[in-house]
Amino acid sequence: MKNNTPDNNTLNEIEVEAKTAPEAIKIALSKLGVDKSDVDIHVLREENKGLFSMHGATLAKVRVIKKLRKK
């Protein structure tokens, strides 16, 4: 069976949501197969625990983009 998910060689940017921004960054780096020094990181939304850590909670969201390499 063929996997339709692009491999990390063709993926240049990714958006990830997680409980915290650092956790989302870690997941994105893993999915892209790169080190932190090889990407630009944009925090799109910080996590919000909401009232009493339950109501209105939102996940952190980051966009991680591979840096262009000079030839």
PDB file of N, CA and C in Angstrom:
ATOM      1  N   MET A   1       0.843  -1.175   0.000  1.00  0.00           N
ATOM      2  CA  MET A   1       0.000   0.000   0.000  1.00  0.00           C
ATOM      3  C   MET A   1       0.891   1.242   0.000  1.00  0.00           C
ATOM      4  N   LYS A   2       0.537   2.213  -0.839  1.00  0.00           N
ATOM      5  CA  LYS A   2       1.340   3.426  -0.977  1.00  0.00           C
ATOM      6  C   LYS A   2       0.937   4.465   0.061  1.00  0.00           C
ATOM      7  N   ASN A   3       1.920   5.108   0.653  1.00  0.00           N
ATOM      8  CA  ASN A   3       1.692   6.170   1.617  1.00  0.00           C
ATOM      9  C   ASN A   3       1.671   7.491   0.863  1.00  0.00           C
ATOM     10  N   ASN A   4       0.577   8.248   0.967  1.00  0.00           N
ATOM     11  CA  ASN A   4       0.446   9.514   0.248  1.00  0.00           C
ATOM     12  C   ASN A   4       1.066  10.696   0.978  1.00  0.00           C
ATOM     13  N   THR A   5       1.652  10.482   2.136  1.00  0.00           N
ATOM     14  CA  THR A   5       2.299  11.548   2.880  1.00  0.00           C
ATOM     15  C   THR A   5       3.647  11.851   2.245  1.00  0.00           C
ATOM     16  N   PRO A   6       3.935  13.137   1.941  1.00  0.00           N
ATOM     17  CA  PRO A   6       5.234  13.456   1.342  1.00  0.00           C
ATOM     18  C   PRO A   6       6.363  13.120   2.296  1.00  0.00           C
ATOM     19  N   ASP A   7       7.484  12.629   1.741  1.00  0.00           N
ATOM     20  CA  ASP A   7       8.623  12.346   2.620  1.00  0.00           C
ATOM     21  C   ASP A   7       9.291  13.658   3.010  1.00  0.00           C
ATOM     22  N   ASN A   8      10.152  13.598   4.016  1.00  0.00           N
ATOM     23  CA  ASN A   8      10.736  14.828   4.538  1.00  0.00           C
ATOM     24  C   ASN A   8      11.753  15.462   3.592  1.00  0.00           C
ATOM     25  N   ASN A   9      12.076  14.803   2.458  1.00  0.00           N
ATOM     26  CA  ASN A   9      12.956  15.425   1.469  1.00  0.00           C
ATOM     27  C   ASN A   9      12.204  16.432   0.606  1.00  0.00           C
ATOM     28  N   THR A  10      10.892  16.258   0.434  1.00  0.00           N
ATOM     29  CA  THR A  10      10.111  17.161  -0.402  1.00  0.00           C
ATOM     30  C   THR A  10       9.329  18.171   0.420  1.00  0.00           C
ATOM     31  N   LEU A  11       9.230  17.965   1.714  1.00  0.00           N
ATOM     32  CA  LEU A  11       8.484  18.858   2.588  1.00  0.00           C
ATOM     33  C   LEU A  11       9.377  20.027   2.985  1.00  0.00           C
ATOM     34  N   ASN A  12       8.943  21.260   2.678  1.00  0.00           N
ATOM     35  CA  ASN A  12       9.754  22.438   2.985  1.00  0.00           C
ATOM     36  C   ASN A  12       9.236  23.239   4.160  1.00  0.00           C
ATOM     37  N   GLU A  13       7.951  23.078   4.473  1.00  0.00           N
ATOM     38  CA  GLU A  13       7.406  23.784   5.627  1.00  0.00           C
ATOM     39  C   GLU A  13       6.261  22.977   6.204  1.00  0.00           C
ATOM     40  N   ILE A  14       6.012  23.215   7.478  1.00  0.00           N
ATOM     41  CA  ILE A  14       4.971  22.468   8.165  1.00  0.00           C
ATOM     42  C   ILE A  14       4.399  23.334   9.283  1.00  0.00           C
ATOM     43  N   GLU A  15       3.112  23.170   9.545  1.00  0.00           N
ATOM     44  CA  GLU A  15       2.468  23.788  10.700  1.00  0.00           C
ATOM     45  C   GLU A  15       2.061  22.672  11.645  1.00  0.00           C
ATOM     46  N   VAL A  16       2.355  22.870  12.927  1.00  0.00           N
ATOM     47  CA  VAL A  16       2.082  21.844  13.935  1.00  0.00           C
ATOM     48  C   VAL A  16       1.441  22.489  15.144  1.00  0.00           C
ATOM     49  N   GLU A  17       0.455  21.802  15.707  1.00  0.00           N
ATOM     50  CA  GLU A  17      -0.164  22.211  16.968  1.00  0.00           C
ATOM     51  C   GLU A  17       0.210  21.199  18.045  1.00  0.00           C
ATOM     52  N   ALA A  18       0.461  21.694  19.250  1.00  0.00           N
ATOM     53  CA  ALA A  18       0.773  20.834  20.386  1.00  0.00           C
ATOM     54  C   ALA A  18       0.447  21.595  21.666  1.00  0.00           C
ATOM     55  N   LYS A  19       0.611  20.943  22.803  1.00  0.00           N
ATOM     56  CA  LYS A  19       0.282  21.569  24.092  1.00  0.00           C
ATOM     57  C   LYS A  19       1.122  22.803  24.363  1.00  0.00           C
ATOM     58  N   THR A  20       2.398  22.781  23.908  1.00  0.00           N
ATOM     59  CA  THR A  20       3.290  23.929  24.091  1.00  0.00           C
ATOM     60  C   THR A  20       4.027  24.210  22.793  1.00  0.00           C
ATOM     61  N   ALA A  21       4.544  25.431  22.644  1.00  0.00           N
ATOM     62  CA  ALA A  21       5.304  25.789  21.447  1.00  0.00           C
ATOM     63  C   ALA A  21       6.575  24.934  21.319  1.00  0.00           C
ATOM     64  N   PRO A  22       7.353  24.739  22.390  1.00  0.00           N
ATOM     65  CA  PRO A  22       8.551  23.896  22.256  1.00  0.00           C
ATOM     66  C   PRO A  22       8.222  22.461  21.819  1.00  0.00           C
ATOM     67  N   GLU A  23       7.112  21.930  22.300  1.00  0.00           N
ATOM     68  CA  GLU A  23       6.703  20.588  21.905  1.00  0.00           C
ATOM     69  C   GLU A  23       6.331  20.562  20.415  1.00  0.00           C
ATOM     70  N   ALA A  24       5.632  21.591  19.947  1.00  0.00           N
ATOM     71  CA  ALA A  24       5.251  21.677  18.540  1.00  0.00           C
ATOM     72  C   ALA A  24       6.492  21.801  17.652  1.00  0.00           C
ATOM     73  N   ILE A  25       7.472  22.578  18.095  1.00  0.00           N
ATOM     74  CA  ILE A  25       8.715  22.736  17.339  1.00  0.00           C
ATOM     75  C   ILE A  25       9.439  21.403  17.239  1.00  0.00           C
ATOM     76  N   LYS A  26       9.521  20.683  18.333  1.00  0.00           N
ATOM     77  CA  LYS A  26      10.187  19.379  18.352  1.00  0.00           C
ATOM     78  C   LYS A  26       9.524  18.412  17.373  1.00  0.00           C
ATOM     79  N   ILE A  27       8.203  18.393  17.345  1.00  0.00           N
ATOM     80  CA  ILE A  27       7.462  17.523  16.430  1.00  0.00           C
ATOM     81  C   ILE A  27       7.740  17.927  14.983  1.00  0.00           C
ATOM     82  N   ALA A  28       7.705  19.230  14.703  1.00  0.00           N
ATOM     83  CA  ALA A  28       7.940  19.718  13.344  1.00  0.00           C
ATOM     84  C   ALA A  28       9.350  19.370  12.861  1.00  0.00           C
ATOM     85  N   LEU A  29      10.346  19.561  13.715  1.00  0.00           N
ATOM     86  CA  LEU A  29      11.722  19.239  13.338  1.00  0.00           C
ATOM     87  C   LEU A  29      11.858  17.759  13.013  1.00  0.00           C
ATOM     88  N   SER A  30      11.210  16.931  13.803  1.00  0.00           N
ATOM     89  CA  SER A  30      11.243  15.489  13.575  1.00  0.00           C
ATOM     90  C   SER A  30      10.589  15.132  12.240  1.00  0.00           C
ATOM     91  N   LYS A  31       9.437  15.737  11.954  1.00  0.00           N
ATOM     92  CA  LYS A  31       8.733  15.444  10.704  1.00  0.00           C
ATOM     93  C   LYS A  31       9.507  15.925   9.484  1.00  0.00           C
ATOM     94  N   LEU A  32      10.208  17.057   9.616  1.00  0.00           N
ATOM     95  CA  LEU A  32      11.013  17.572   8.515  1.00  0.00           C
ATOM     96  C   LEU A  32      12.361  16.875   8.404  1.00  0.00           C
ATOM     97  N   GLY A  33      12.798  16.257   9.485  1.00  0.00           N
ATOM     98  CA  GLY A  33      14.084  15.570   9.495  1.00  0.00           C
ATOM     99  C   GLY A  33      15.267  16.515   9.461  1.00  0.00           C
ATOM    100  N   VAL A  34      15.147  17.648  10.190  1.00  0.00           N
ATOM    101  CA  VAL A  34      16.205  18.661  10.194  1.00  0.00           C
ATOM    102  C   VAL A  34      16.521  19.094  11.621  1.00  0.00           C
ATOM    103  N   ASP A  35      17.632  19.834  11.750  1.00  0.00           N
ATOM    104  CA  ASP A  35      18.005  20.433  13.028  1.00  0.00           C
ATOM    105  C   ASP A  35      17.396  21.827  13.129  1.00  0.00           C
ATOM    106  N   LYS A  36      17.349  22.347  14.332  1.00  0.00           N
ATOM    107  CA  LYS A  36      16.783  23.675  14.570  1.00  0.00           C
ATOM    108  C   LYS A  36      17.532  24.763  13.805  1.00  0.00           C
ATOM    109  N   SER A  37      18.828  24.578  13.598  1.00  0.00           N
ATOM    110  CA  SER A  37      19.635  25.578  12.884  1.00  0.00           C
ATOM    111  C   SER A  37      19.322  25.617  11.387  1.00  0.00           C
ATOM    112  N   ASP A  38      18.601  24.619  10.880  1.00  0.00           N
ATOM    113  CA  ASP A  38      18.289  24.537   9.454  1.00  0.00           C
ATOM    114  C   ASP A  38      16.925  25.119   9.095  1.00  0.00           C
ATOM    115  N   VAL A  39      16.239  25.714  10.072  1.00  0.00           N
ATOM    116  CA  VAL A  39      14.874  26.181   9.829  1.00  0.00           C
ATOM    117  C   VAL A  39      14.629  27.570  10.404  1.00  0.00           C
ATOM    118  N   ASP A  40      13.578  28.206   9.899  1.00  0.00           N
ATOM    119  CA  ASP A  40      13.029  29.417  10.506  1.00  0.00           C
ATOM    120  C   ASP A  40      11.767  28.991  11.234  1.00  0.00           C
ATOM    121  N   ILE A  41      11.591  29.486  12.453  1.00  0.00           N
ATOM    122  CA  ILE A  41      10.449  29.093  13.281  1.00  0.00           C
ATOM    123  C   ILE A  41       9.584  30.307  13.566  1.00  0.00           C
ATOM    124  N   HIS A  42       8.297  30.159  13.315  1.00  0.00           N
ATOM    125  CA  HIS A  42       7.330  31.216  13.580  1.00  0.00           C
ATOM    126  C   HIS A  42       6.274  30.654  14.536  1.00  0.00           C
ATOM    127  N   VAL A  43       6.157  31.258  15.711  1.00  0.00           N
ATOM    128  CA  VAL A  43       5.108  30.851  16.642  1.00  0.00           C
ATOM    129  C   VAL A  43       3.847  31.603  16.233  1.00  0.00           C
ATOM    130  N   LEU A  44       2.865  30.861  15.749  1.00  0.00           N
ATOM    131  CA  LEU A  44       1.623  31.457  15.274  1.00  0.00           C
ATOM    132  C   LEU A  44       0.642  31.696  16.414  1.00  0.00           C
ATOM    133  N   ARG A  45       0.712  30.840  17.432  1.00  0.00           N
ATOM    134  CA  ARG A  45      -0.200  30.977  18.570  1.00  0.00           C
ATOM    135  C   ARG A  45       0.429  30.292  19.780  1.00  0.00           C
ATOM    136  N   GLU A  46       0.471  30.997  20.890  1.00  0.00           N
ATOM    137  CA  GLU A  46       0.928  30.400  22.152  1.00  0.00           C
ATOM    138  C   GLU A  46      -0.221  29.595  22.759  1.00  0.00           C
ATOM    139  N   GLU A  47       0.116  28.634  23.570  1.00  0.00           N
ATOM    140  CA  GLU A  47      -0.921  27.853  24.240  1.00  0.00           C
ATOM    141  C   GLU A  47      -1.654  28.711  25.260  1.00  0.00           C
ATOM    142  N   ASN A  48      -2.891  28.376  25.499  1.00  0.00           N
ATOM    143  CA  ASN A  48      -3.701  29.060  26.503  1.00  0.00           C
ATOM    144  C   ASN A  48      -4.417  27.982  27.290  1.00  0.00           C
ATOM    145  N   LYS A  49      -4.136  27.902  28.567  1.00  0.00           N
ATOM    146  CA  LYS A  49      -4.692  26.829  29.384  1.00  0.00           C
ATOM    147  C   LYS A  49      -6.167  27.022  29.703  1.00  0.00           C
ATOM    148  N   GLY A  50      -6.662  28.219  29.547  1.00  0.00           N
ATOM    149  CA  GLY A  50      -8.079  28.448  29.804  1.00  0.00           C
ATOM    150  C   GLY A  50      -8.385  28.512  31.290  1.00  0.00           C
ATOM    151  N   LEU A  51      -9.638  28.667  31.590  1.00  0.00           N
ATOM    152  CA  LEU A  51     -10.093  28.783  32.964  1.00  0.00           C
ATOM    153  C   LEU A  51      -9.938  27.462  33.697  1.00  0.00           C
ATOM    154  N   PHE A  52      -9.223  27.470  34.791  1.00  0.00           N
ATOM    155  CA  PHE A  52      -8.978  26.274  35.606  1.00  0.00           C
ATOM    156  C   PHE A  52      -8.361  25.143  34.789  1.00  0.00           C
ATOM    157  N   SER A  53      -7.569  25.492  33.766  1.00  0.00           N
ATOM    158  CA  SER A  53      -6.882  24.532  32.894  1.00  0.00           C
ATOM    159  C   SER A  53      -7.826  23.604  32.153  1.00  0.00           C
ATOM    160  N   MET A  54      -9.086  24.010  31.987  1.00  0.00           N
ATOM    161  CA  MET A  54     -10.020  23.136  31.294  1.00  0.00           C
ATOM    162  C   MET A  54     -10.791  23.887  30.206  1.00  0.00           C
ATOM    163  N   HIS A  55     -11.575  24.878  30.572  1.00  0.00           N
ATOM    164  CA  HIS A  55     -12.436  25.562  29.622  1.00  0.00           C
ATOM    165  C   HIS A  55     -11.650  26.569  28.782  1.00  0.00           C
ATOM    166  N   GLY A  56     -11.849  26.527  27.492  1.00  0.00           N
ATOM    167  CA  GLY A  56     -11.216  27.491  26.601  1.00  0.00           C
ATOM    168  C   GLY A  56      -9.763  27.226  26.308  1.00  0.00           C
ATOM    169  N   ALA A  57      -9.275  26.042  26.594  1.00  0.00           N
ATOM    170  CA  ALA A  57      -7.872  25.726  26.331  1.00  0.00           C
ATOM    171  C   ALA A  57      -7.614  25.702  24.827  1.00  0.00           C
ATOM    172  N   THR A  58      -6.484  26.272  24.414  1.00  0.00           N
ATOM    173  CA  THR A  58      -6.075  26.223  23.011  1.00  0.00           C
ATOM    174  C   THR A  58      -4.647  25.718  22.931  1.00  0.00           C
ATOM    175  N   LEU A  59      -4.346  25.043  21.842  1.00  0.00           N
ATOM    176  CA  LEU A  59      -3.012  24.503  21.623  1.00  0.00           C
ATOM    177  C   LEU A  59      -2.097  25.578  21.036  1.00  0.00           C
ATOM    178  N   ALA A  60      -0.816  25.413  21.261  1.00  0.00           N
ATOM    179  CA  ALA A  60       0.182  26.260  20.607  1.00  0.00           C
ATOM    180  C   ALA A  60       0.281  25.818  19.158  1.00  0.00           C
ATOM    181  N   LYS A  61       0.601  26.765  18.266  1.00  0.00           N
ATOM    182  CA  LYS A  61       0.735  26.448  16.842  1.00  0.00           C
ATOM    183  C   LYS A  61       1.979  27.117  16.308  1.00  0.00           C
ATOM    184  N   VAL A  62       2.802  26.352  15.591  1.00  0.00           N
ATOM    185  CA  VAL A  62       4.028  26.890  15.006  1.00  0.00           C
ATOM    186  C   VAL A  62       4.102  26.547  13.525  1.00  0.00           C
ATOM    187  N   ARG A  63       4.806  27.397  12.788  1.00  0.00           N
ATOM    188  CA  ARG A  63       5.139  27.109  11.388  1.00  0.00           C
ATOM    189  C   ARG A  63       6.651  27.023  11.322  1.00  0.00           C
ATOM    190  N   VAL A  64       7.154  25.927  10.789  1.00  0.00           N
ATOM    191  CA  VAL A  64       8.600  25.702  10.662  1.00  0.00           C
ATOM    192  C   VAL A  64       8.917  25.569   9.179  1.00  0.00           C
ATOM    193  N   ILE A  65       9.853  26.402   8.712  1.00  0.00           N
ATOM    194  CA  ILE A  65      10.198  26.479   7.289  1.00  0.00           C
ATOM    195  C   ILE A  65      11.689  26.192   7.118  1.00  0.00           C
ATOM    196  N   LYS A  66      12.007  25.266   6.228  1.00  0.00           N
ATOM    197  CA  LYS A  66      13.416  24.986   5.935  1.00  0.00           C
ATOM    198  C   LYS A  66      14.060  26.209   5.315  1.00  0.00           C
ATOM    199  N   LYS A  67      15.282  26.505   5.745  1.00  0.00           N
ATOM    200  CA  LYS A  67      16.043  27.618   5.171  1.00  0.00           C
ATOM    201  C   LYS A  67      16.548  27.201   3.800  1.00  0.00           C
ATOM    202  N   LEU A  68      16.589  28.170   2.890  1.00  0.00           N
ATOM    203  CA  LEU A  68      17.140  27.905   1.563  1.00  0.00           C
ATOM    204  C   LEU A  68      18.645  27.790   1.670  1.00  0.00           C
ATOM    205  N   ARG A  69      19.181  26.816   1.004  1.00  0.00           N
ATOM    206  CA  ARG A  69      20.634  26.634   1.009  1.00  0.00           C
ATOM    207  C   ARG A  69      21.239  27.305  -0.206  1.00  0.00           C
ATOM    208  N   LYS A  70      22.312  28.048   0.025  1.00  0.00           N
ATOM    209  CA  LYS A  70      23.008  28.717  -1.075  1.00  0.00           C
ATOM    210  C   LYS A  70      23.822  27.697  -1.835  1.00  0.00           C
ATOM    211  N   LYS A  71      23.790  27.809  -3.157  1.00  0.00           N
ATOM    212  CA  LYS A  71      24.527  26.856  -3.992  1.00  0.00           C
ATOM    213  C   LYS A  71      25.875  27.395  -4.379  1.00  0.00           C
TER     214      LYS A  71
END
